[in-house]
Amino acid sequence: MNVLIYLIPVALFLGGVGLIAFLWSLKTGQYEDLDGAANRILIDDDDTEDS
């Protein structure tokens, strides 16, 4: 039972780190363009002309 004294603060700390990482990713715009990556595969970059 004494191990809970260590495990509960460690779990709360790791949960806080995960929450901070998620909020940081929202603030820096990691989720701004969700469709861009999906549509990028459809864009043809072979627009070079051999003239």
PDB file of N, CA and C in Angstrom:
ATOM      1  N   MET A   1       0.805  -1.192   0.000  1.00  0.00           N
ATOM      2  CA  MET A   1       0.000   0.000   0.000  1.00  0.00           C
ATOM      3  C   MET A   1       0.852   1.261   0.000  1.00  0.00           C
ATOM      4  N   ASN A   2       2.060   1.142   0.484  1.00  0.00           N
ATOM      5  CA  ASN A   2       2.934   2.308   0.532  1.00  0.00           C
ATOM      6  C   ASN A   2       3.386   2.752  -0.855  1.00  0.00           C
ATOM      7  N   VAL A   3       3.291   1.865  -1.829  1.00  0.00           N
ATOM      8  CA  VAL A   3       3.718   2.211  -3.183  1.00  0.00           C
ATOM      9  C   VAL A   3       2.778   3.246  -3.799  1.00  0.00           C
ATOM     10  N   LEU A   4       1.535   3.307  -3.326  1.00  0.00           N
ATOM     11  CA  LEU A   4       0.590   4.301  -3.836  1.00  0.00           C
ATOM     12  C   LEU A   4       1.033   5.726  -3.509  1.00  0.00           C
ATOM     13  N   ILE A   5       1.786   5.879  -2.449  1.00  0.00           N
ATOM     14  CA  ILE A   5       2.296   7.199  -2.092  1.00  0.00           C
ATOM     15  C   ILE A   5       3.205   7.730  -3.198  1.00  0.00           C
ATOM     16  N   TYR A   6       3.866   6.834  -3.898  1.00  0.00           N
ATOM     17  CA  TYR A   6       4.758   7.242  -4.994  1.00  0.00           C
ATOM     18  C   TYR A   6       4.046   7.239  -6.347  1.00  0.00           C
ATOM     19  N   LEU A   7       3.166   6.283  -6.552  1.00  0.00           N
ATOM     20  CA  LEU A   7       2.547   6.129  -7.868  1.00  0.00           C
ATOM     21  C   LEU A   7       1.519   7.207  -8.186  1.00  0.00           C
ATOM     22  N   ILE A   8       0.767   7.643  -7.208  1.00  0.00           N
ATOM     23  CA  ILE A   8      -0.255   8.664  -7.470  1.00  0.00           C
ATOM     24  C   ILE A   8       0.366   9.994  -7.890  1.00  0.00           C
ATOM     25  N   PRO A   9       1.390  10.520  -7.208  1.00  0.00           N
ATOM     26  CA  PRO A   9       2.012  11.760  -7.701  1.00  0.00           C
ATOM     27  C   PRO A   9       2.694  11.601  -9.060  1.00  0.00           C
ATOM     28  N   VAL A  10       3.291  10.437  -9.304  1.00  0.00           N
ATOM     29  CA  VAL A  10       3.919  10.201 -10.601  1.00  0.00           C
ATOM     30  C   VAL A  10       2.862  10.195 -11.702  1.00  0.00           C
ATOM     31  N   ALA A  11       1.722   9.565 -11.463  1.00  0.00           N
ATOM     32  CA  ALA A  11       0.642   9.528 -12.453  1.00  0.00           C
ATOM     33  C   ALA A  11       0.088  10.929 -12.700  1.00  0.00           C
ATOM     34  N   LEU A  12      -0.090  11.705 -11.632  1.00  0.00           N
ATOM     35  CA  LEU A  12      -0.576  13.074 -11.803  1.00  0.00           C
ATOM     36  C   LEU A  12       0.434  13.936 -12.556  1.00  0.00           C
ATOM     37  N   PHE A  13       1.707  13.743 -12.272  1.00  0.00           N
ATOM     38  CA  PHE A  13       2.746  14.501 -12.969  1.00  0.00           C
ATOM     39  C   PHE A  13       2.766  14.161 -14.454  1.00  0.00           C
ATOM     40  N   LEU A  14       2.711  12.877 -14.794  1.00  0.00           N
ATOM     41  CA  LEU A  14       2.725  12.475 -16.204  1.00  0.00           C
ATOM     42  C   LEU A  14       1.457  12.942 -16.930  1.00  0.00           C
ATOM     43  N   GLY A  15       0.332  12.921 -16.245  1.00  0.00           N
ATOM     44  CA  GLY A  15      -0.892  13.450 -16.844  1.00  0.00           C
ATOM     45  C   GLY A  15      -0.776  14.942 -17.108  1.00  0.00           C
ATOM     46  N   GLY A  16      -0.167  15.675 -16.173  1.00  0.00           N
ATOM     47  CA  GLY A  16       0.055  17.111 -16.361  1.00  0.00           C
ATOM     48  C   GLY A  16       0.996  17.395 -17.517  1.00  0.00           C
ATOM     49  N   VAL A  17       2.045  16.583 -17.644  1.00  0.00           N
ATOM     50  CA  VAL A  17       2.976  16.756 -18.767  1.00  0.00           C
ATOM     51  C   VAL A  17       2.263  16.508 -20.087  1.00  0.00           C
ATOM     52  N   GLY A  18       1.412  15.494 -20.136  1.00  0.00           N
ATOM     53  CA  GLY A  18       0.646  15.230 -21.351  1.00  0.00           C
ATOM     54  C   GLY A  18      -0.308  16.359 -21.684  1.00  0.00           C
ATOM     55  N   LEU A  19      -0.948  16.922 -20.672  1.00  0.00           N
ATOM     56  CA  LEU A  19      -1.862  18.037 -20.888  1.00  0.00           C
ATOM     57  C   LEU A  19      -1.114  19.271 -21.375  1.00  0.00           C
ATOM     58  N   ILE A  20       0.031  19.551 -20.794  1.00  0.00           N
ATOM     59  CA  ILE A  20       0.842  20.691 -21.230  1.00  0.00           C
ATOM     60  C   ILE A  20       1.323  20.499 -22.663  1.00  0.00           C
ATOM     61  N   ALA A  21       1.729  19.282 -23.013  1.00  0.00           N
ATOM     62  CA  ALA A  21       2.168  19.015 -24.389  1.00  0.00           C
ATOM     63  C   ALA A  21       1.017  19.193 -25.371  1.00  0.00           C
ATOM     64  N   PHE A  22      -0.174  18.759 -25.004  1.00  0.00           N
ATOM     65  CA  PHE A  22      -1.334  18.929 -25.872  1.00  0.00           C
ATOM     66  C   PHE A  22      -1.686  20.397 -26.051  1.00  0.00           C
ATOM     67  N   LEU A  23      -1.691  21.154 -24.964  1.00  0.00           N
ATOM     68  CA  LEU A  23      -2.003  22.584 -25.059  1.00  0.00           C
ATOM     69  C   LEU A  23      -0.942  23.322 -25.863  1.00  0.00           C
ATOM     70  N   TRP A  24       0.325  22.924 -25.729  1.00  0.00           N
ATOM     71  CA  TRP A  24       1.394  23.537 -26.519  1.00  0.00           C
ATOM     72  C   TRP A  24       1.177  23.257 -28.005  1.00  0.00           C
ATOM     73  N   SER A  25       0.776  22.030 -28.337  1.00  0.00           N
ATOM     74  CA  SER A  25       0.553  21.701 -29.745  1.00  0.00           C
ATOM     75  C   SER A  25      -0.631  22.476 -30.312  1.00  0.00           C
ATOM     76  N   LEU A  26      -1.642  22.727 -29.508  1.00  0.00           N
ATOM     77  CA  LEU A  26      -2.750  23.561 -29.968  1.00  0.00           C
ATOM     78  C   LEU A  26      -2.302  24.998 -30.201  1.00  0.00           C
ATOM     79  N   LYS A  27      -1.479  25.518 -29.287  1.00  0.00           N
ATOM     80  CA  LYS A  27      -1.041  26.914 -29.379  1.00  0.00           C
ATOM     81  C   LYS A  27      -0.126  27.146 -30.580  1.00  0.00           C
ATOM     82  N   THR A  28       0.707  26.165 -30.926  1.00  0.00           N
ATOM     83  CA  THR A  28       1.641  26.337 -32.030  1.00  0.00           C
ATOM     84  C   THR A  28       1.038  25.984 -33.381  1.00  0.00           C
ATOM     85  N   GLY A  29      -0.238  25.608 -33.417  1.00  0.00           N
ATOM     86  CA  GLY A  29      -0.915  25.391 -34.694  1.00  0.00           C
ATOM     87  C   GLY A  29      -0.674  24.037 -35.318  1.00  0.00           C
ATOM     88  N   GLN A  30      -0.446  23.021 -34.527  1.00  0.00           N
ATOM     89  CA  GLN A  30      -0.206  21.693 -35.075  1.00  0.00           C
ATOM     90  C   GLN A  30      -1.462  21.105 -35.724  1.00  0.00           C
ATOM     91  N   TYR A  31      -2.634  21.578 -35.337  1.00  0.00           N
ATOM     92  CA  TYR A  31      -3.886  21.021 -35.846  1.00  0.00           C
ATOM     93  C   TYR A  31      -4.612  21.986 -36.768  1.00  0.00           C
ATOM     94  N   GLU A  32      -3.918  22.935 -37.327  1.00  0.00           N
ATOM     95  CA  GLU A  32      -4.563  23.957 -38.158  1.00  0.00           C
ATOM     96  C   GLU A  32      -5.035  23.405 -39.501  1.00  0.00           C
ATOM     97  N   ASP A  33      -4.184  22.676 -40.202  1.00  0.00           N
ATOM     98  CA  ASP A  33      -4.490  22.248 -41.569  1.00  0.00           C
ATOM     99  C   ASP A  33      -4.567  20.728 -41.622  1.00  0.00           C
ATOM    100  N   LEU A  34      -5.692  20.183 -41.204  1.00  0.00           N
ATOM    101  CA  LEU A  34      -5.837  18.730 -41.189  1.00  0.00           C
ATOM    102  C   LEU A  34      -6.074  18.163 -42.582  1.00  0.00           C
ATOM    103  N   ASP A  35      -6.707  18.951 -43.469  1.00  0.00           N
ATOM    104  CA  ASP A  35      -6.986  18.457 -44.813  1.00  0.00           C
ATOM    105  C   ASP A  35      -5.802  18.630 -45.751  1.00  0.00           C
ATOM    106  N   GLY A  36      -4.870  19.491 -45.418  1.00  0.00           N
ATOM    107  CA  GLY A  36      -3.733  19.754 -46.296  1.00  0.00           C
ATOM    108  C   GLY A  36      -2.873  18.529 -46.523  1.00  0.00           C
ATOM    109  N   ALA A  37      -2.580  17.802 -45.469  1.00  0.00           N
ATOM    110  CA  ALA A  37      -1.755  16.607 -45.609  1.00  0.00           C
ATOM    111  C   ALA A  37      -2.484  15.524 -46.403  1.00  0.00           C
ATOM    112  N   ALA A  38      -3.800  15.441 -46.233  1.00  0.00           N
ATOM    113  CA  ALA A  38      -4.572  14.434 -46.967  1.00  0.00           C
ATOM    114  C   ALA A  38      -4.668  14.784 -48.445  1.00  0.00           C
ATOM    115  N   ASN A  39      -4.747  16.065 -48.772  1.00  0.00           N
ATOM    116  CA  ASN A  39      -4.883  16.479 -50.164  1.00  0.00           C
ATOM    117  C   ASN A  39      -3.540  16.646 -50.868  1.00  0.00           C
ATOM    118  N   ARG A  40      -2.466  16.717 -50.112  1.00  0.00           N
ATOM    119  CA  ARG A  40      -1.143  16.925 -50.706  1.00  0.00           C
ATOM    120  C   ARG A  40      -0.744  15.766 -51.623  1.00  0.00           C
ATOM    121  N   ILE A  41      -1.237  14.573 -51.339  1.00  0.00           N
ATOM    122  CA  ILE A  41      -0.919  13.418 -52.169  1.00  0.00           C
ATOM    123  C   ILE A  41      -1.558  13.548 -53.551  1.00  0.00           C
ATOM    124  N   LEU A  42      -2.617  14.334 -53.661  1.00  0.00           N
ATOM    125  CA  LEU A  42      -3.325  14.472 -54.927  1.00  0.00           C
ATOM    126  C   LEU A  42      -2.729  15.545 -55.831  1.00  0.00           C
ATOM    127  N   ILE A  43      -1.877  16.404 -55.305  1.00  0.00           N
ATOM    128  CA  ILE A  43      -1.298  17.490 -56.080  1.00  0.00           C
ATOM    129  C   ILE A  43      -0.146  16.956 -56.913  1.00  0.00           C
ATOM    130  N   ASP A  44      -0.206  17.231 -58.211  1.00  0.00           N
ATOM    131  CA  ASP A  44       0.823  16.763 -59.118  1.00  0.00           C
ATOM    132  C   ASP A  44       1.918  17.819 -59.225  1.00  0.00           C
ATOM    133  N   ASP A  45       3.121  17.500 -58.784  1.00  0.00           N
ATOM    134  CA  ASP A  45       4.237  18.441 -58.826  1.00  0.00           C
ATOM    135  C   ASP A  45       5.083  18.316 -60.092  1.00  0.00           C
ATOM    136  N   ASP A  46       4.672  17.488 -61.019  1.00  0.00           N
ATOM    137  CA  ASP A  46       5.430  17.291 -62.253  1.00  0.00           C
ATOM    138  C   ASP A  46       4.966  18.266 -63.334  1.00  0.00           C
ATOM    139  N   ASP A  47       5.101  19.543 -63.070  1.00  0.00           N
ATOM    140  CA  ASP A  47       4.673  20.572 -64.024  1.00  0.00           C
ATOM    141  C   ASP A  47       5.843  21.127 -64.835  1.00  0.00           C
ATOM    142  N   THR A  48       6.901  20.365 -64.966  1.00  0.00           N
ATOM    143  CA  THR A  48       8.052  20.822 -65.761  1.00  0.00           C
ATOM    144  C   THR A  48       7.797  20.594 -67.235  1.00  0.00           C
ATOM    145  N   GLU A  49       8.210  21.578 -68.048  1.00  0.00           N
ATOM    146  CA  GLU A  49       8.041  21.470 -69.490  1.00  0.00           C
ATOM    147  C   GLU A  49       9.406  21.229 -70.127  1.00  0.00           C
ATOM    148  N   ASP A  50       9.469  20.324 -71.074  1.00  0.00           N
ATOM    149  CA  ASP A  50      10.711  19.987 -71.778  1.00  0.00           C
ATOM    150  C   ASP A  50      10.753  20.756 -73.103  1.00  0.00           C
ATOM    151  N   SER A  51      11.038  22.056 -73.060  1.00  0.00           N
ATOM    152  CA  SER A  51      11.086  22.812 -74.302  1.00  0.00           C
ATOM    153  C   SER A  51      12.435  23.416 -74.539  1.00  0.00           C
TER     154      SER A  51
END
